[in-house]
Amino acid sequence: MLIKLNGKPHTLPADASVLALAQLLDLNPRQVAIERNHGIVPKSAYGEVALAEGDEVEIVQFIGGG
């Protein structure tokens, strides 16, 4: 399936969840915020929220510093 990830086209397996996307991108789910179709996805639901053709996904990664 084709989604828009951070404004760019991205291809995923047909049954991908938000958690699967994070894992495919090698991201730690605890260190990112994920928005699907203009709504924040709760971290507790990452494995349950299925992505669909045409979804718009934005991922923000938290970076520590000092």
N, C-alpha and C. Protein backbone atom coordinates (compact mmCIF):
# COMPACT_ATOMS: atom_id res chain seq x y z
N MET A 1 0.84 -1.17 0.00
CA MET A 1 0.00 0.00 0.00
C MET A 1 0.88 1.23 0.00
N LEU A 2 0.32 2.33 -0.45
CA LEU A 2 1.05 3.59 -0.53
C LEU A 2 0.47 4.58 0.48
N ILE A 3 1.34 5.11 1.34
CA ILE A 3 0.94 6.15 2.28
C ILE A 3 1.81 7.37 2.03
N LYS A 4 1.48 8.46 2.69
CA LYS A 4 2.33 9.64 2.65
C LYS A 4 2.99 9.73 4.02
N LEU A 5 4.32 9.63 4.06
CA LEU A 5 5.08 9.66 5.30
C LEU A 5 5.91 10.93 5.36
N ASN A 6 5.61 11.78 6.32
CA ASN A 6 6.30 13.07 6.45
C ASN A 6 6.33 13.80 5.11
N GLY A 7 5.19 13.75 4.40
CA GLY A 7 5.05 14.49 3.16
C GLY A 7 5.54 13.82 1.90
N LYS A 8 6.09 12.59 2.03
CA LYS A 8 6.63 11.89 0.86
C LYS A 8 5.96 10.53 0.71
N PRO A 9 5.81 10.05 -0.53
CA PRO A 9 5.22 8.72 -0.74
C PRO A 9 6.09 7.64 -0.12
N HIS A 10 5.43 6.64 0.47
CA HIS A 10 6.14 5.53 1.11
C HIS A 10 5.30 4.26 0.93
N THR A 11 5.93 3.18 0.53
CA THR A 11 5.24 1.91 0.32
C THR A 11 5.42 1.00 1.53
N LEU A 12 4.31 0.37 1.93
CA LEU A 12 4.29 -0.55 3.07
C LEU A 12 3.55 -1.82 2.71
N PRO A 13 3.78 -2.91 3.48
CA PRO A 13 2.96 -4.10 3.31
C PRO A 13 1.49 -3.78 3.59
N ALA A 14 0.59 -4.50 2.97
CA ALA A 14 -0.84 -4.20 3.05
C ALA A 14 -1.40 -4.24 4.46
N ASP A 15 -0.85 -5.03 5.35
CA ASP A 15 -1.41 -5.18 6.70
C ASP A 15 -0.61 -4.44 7.77
N ALA A 16 0.12 -3.40 7.40
CA ALA A 16 1.01 -2.71 8.34
C ALA A 16 0.24 -1.92 9.39
N SER A 17 0.74 -1.97 10.60
CA SER A 17 0.21 -1.16 11.70
C SER A 17 1.17 0.01 11.93
N VAL A 18 0.78 0.90 12.80
CA VAL A 18 1.65 2.01 13.17
C VAL A 18 2.94 1.46 13.80
N LEU A 19 2.81 0.44 14.64
CA LEU A 19 3.99 -0.18 15.26
C LEU A 19 4.89 -0.81 14.21
N ALA A 20 4.31 -1.50 13.24
CA ALA A 20 5.11 -2.11 12.17
C ALA A 20 5.87 -1.05 11.39
N LEU A 21 5.24 0.08 11.13
CA LEU A 21 5.91 1.17 10.43
C LEU A 21 7.11 1.65 11.22
N ALA A 22 6.93 1.88 12.51
CA ALA A 22 8.04 2.32 13.36
C ALA A 22 9.18 1.31 13.33
N GLN A 23 8.84 0.02 13.39
CA GLN A 23 9.87 -1.01 13.37
C GLN A 23 10.57 -1.08 12.02
N LEU A 24 9.82 -0.93 10.93
CA LEU A 24 10.42 -0.93 9.59
C LEU A 24 11.40 0.24 9.42
N LEU A 25 11.11 1.34 10.08
CA LEU A 25 11.97 2.52 10.01
C LEU A 25 13.08 2.48 11.06
N ASP A 26 13.14 1.39 11.83
CA ASP A 26 14.14 1.21 12.88
C ASP A 26 14.07 2.32 13.93
N LEU A 27 12.83 2.66 14.31
CA LEU A 27 12.60 3.68 15.33
C LEU A 27 12.15 3.03 16.63
N ASN A 28 12.57 3.59 17.74
CA ASN A 28 12.11 3.14 19.04
C ASN A 28 10.74 3.78 19.28
N PRO A 29 9.68 2.99 19.38
CA PRO A 29 8.33 3.55 19.55
C PRO A 29 8.19 4.47 20.76
N ARG A 30 9.04 4.30 21.77
CA ARG A 30 8.97 5.15 22.95
C ARG A 30 9.59 6.53 22.72
N GLN A 31 10.33 6.67 21.62
CA GLN A 31 11.03 7.93 21.37
C GLN A 31 10.45 8.71 20.20
N VAL A 32 9.25 8.36 19.77
CA VAL A 32 8.62 9.07 18.66
C VAL A 32 7.17 9.40 18.99
N ALA A 33 6.66 10.40 18.31
CA ALA A 33 5.23 10.70 18.32
C ALA A 33 4.75 10.46 16.89
N ILE A 34 3.64 9.76 16.74
CA ILE A 34 3.13 9.43 15.42
C ILE A 34 1.71 9.96 15.26
N GLU A 35 1.51 10.68 14.17
CA GLU A 35 0.21 11.23 13.84
C GLU A 35 -0.29 10.55 12.57
N ARG A 36 -1.54 10.13 12.58
CA ARG A 36 -2.16 9.51 11.39
C ARG A 36 -3.38 10.32 11.02
N ASN A 37 -3.40 10.80 9.79
CA ASN A 37 -4.53 11.59 9.29
C ASN A 37 -4.92 12.72 10.25
N HIS A 38 -3.89 13.46 10.70
CA HIS A 38 -4.05 14.66 11.52
C HIS A 38 -4.50 14.38 12.95
N GLY A 39 -4.36 13.14 13.42
CA GLY A 39 -4.68 12.80 14.80
C GLY A 39 -3.53 12.02 15.43
N ILE A 40 -3.17 12.38 16.64
CA ILE A 40 -2.08 11.69 17.34
C ILE A 40 -2.53 10.28 17.69
N VAL A 41 -1.67 9.31 17.43
CA VAL A 41 -1.96 7.92 17.79
C VAL A 41 -1.34 7.67 19.17
N PRO A 42 -2.14 7.26 20.16
CA PRO A 42 -1.57 6.96 21.48
C PRO A 42 -0.57 5.81 21.40
N LYS A 43 0.52 5.93 22.12
CA LYS A 43 1.55 4.88 22.10
C LYS A 43 0.96 3.52 22.44
N SER A 44 -0.01 3.49 23.32
CA SER A 44 -0.62 2.22 23.73
C SER A 44 -1.40 1.56 22.60
N ALA A 45 -1.68 2.30 21.52
CA ALA A 45 -2.47 1.76 20.41
C ALA A 45 -1.63 1.51 19.16
N TYR A 46 -0.33 1.74 19.20
CA TYR A 46 0.51 1.59 18.01
C TYR A 46 0.32 0.23 17.33
N GLY A 47 0.24 -0.83 18.11
CA GLY A 47 0.12 -2.17 17.53
C GLY A 47 -1.28 -2.48 17.01
N GLU A 48 -2.26 -1.71 17.44
CA GLU A 48 -3.66 -1.97 17.07
C GLU A 48 -4.16 -1.10 15.93
N VAL A 49 -3.48 0.03 15.68
CA VAL A 49 -3.94 0.96 14.64
C VAL A 49 -3.36 0.54 13.30
N ALA A 50 -4.25 0.07 12.42
CA ALA A 50 -3.84 -0.36 11.08
C ALA A 50 -3.75 0.84 10.16
N LEU A 51 -2.75 0.83 9.31
CA LEU A 51 -2.62 1.86 8.29
C LEU A 51 -3.38 1.43 7.05
N ALA A 52 -3.84 2.41 6.27
CA ALA A 52 -4.61 2.13 5.07
C ALA A 52 -4.05 2.94 3.90
N GLU A 53 -4.34 2.48 2.72
CA GLU A 53 -3.93 3.17 1.49
C GLU A 53 -4.30 4.65 1.58
N GLY A 54 -3.32 5.50 1.30
CA GLY A 54 -3.57 6.94 1.27
C GLY A 54 -3.46 7.65 2.60
N ASP A 55 -3.22 6.91 3.69
CA ASP A 55 -3.07 7.56 5.00
C ASP A 55 -1.92 8.56 4.95
N GLU A 56 -2.07 9.63 5.71
CA GLU A 56 -1.00 10.61 5.88
C GLU A 56 -0.43 10.44 7.28
N VAL A 57 0.85 10.12 7.35
CA VAL A 57 1.52 9.84 8.61
C VAL A 57 2.66 10.82 8.82
N GLU A 58 2.72 11.40 9.99
CA GLU A 58 3.83 12.26 10.39
C GLU A 58 4.48 11.65 11.61
N ILE A 59 5.81 11.58 11.58
CA ILE A 59 6.56 11.04 12.71
C ILE A 59 7.54 12.09 13.19
N VAL A 60 7.51 12.34 14.49
CA VAL A 60 8.46 13.25 15.12
C VAL A 60 9.27 12.43 16.10
N GLN A 61 10.60 12.54 15.98
CA GLN A 61 11.48 11.78 16.86
C GLN A 61 12.04 12.72 17.92
N PHE A 62 12.00 12.26 19.18
CA PHE A 62 12.52 13.04 20.29
C PHE A 62 14.03 12.83 20.37
N ILE A 63 14.74 13.95 20.48
CA ILE A 63 16.20 13.90 20.58
C ILE A 63 16.61 14.62 21.84
N GLY A 64 17.36 13.92 22.69
CA GLY A 64 17.82 14.52 23.94
C GLY A 64 19.07 15.34 23.71
N GLY A 65 19.30 16.24 24.58
CA GLY A 65 20.49 17.07 24.47
C GLY A 65 20.69 17.82 25.77
N GLY A 66 21.71 18.60 25.76
CA GLY A 66 21.94 19.35 26.99
C GLY A 66 22.74 20.58 26.79
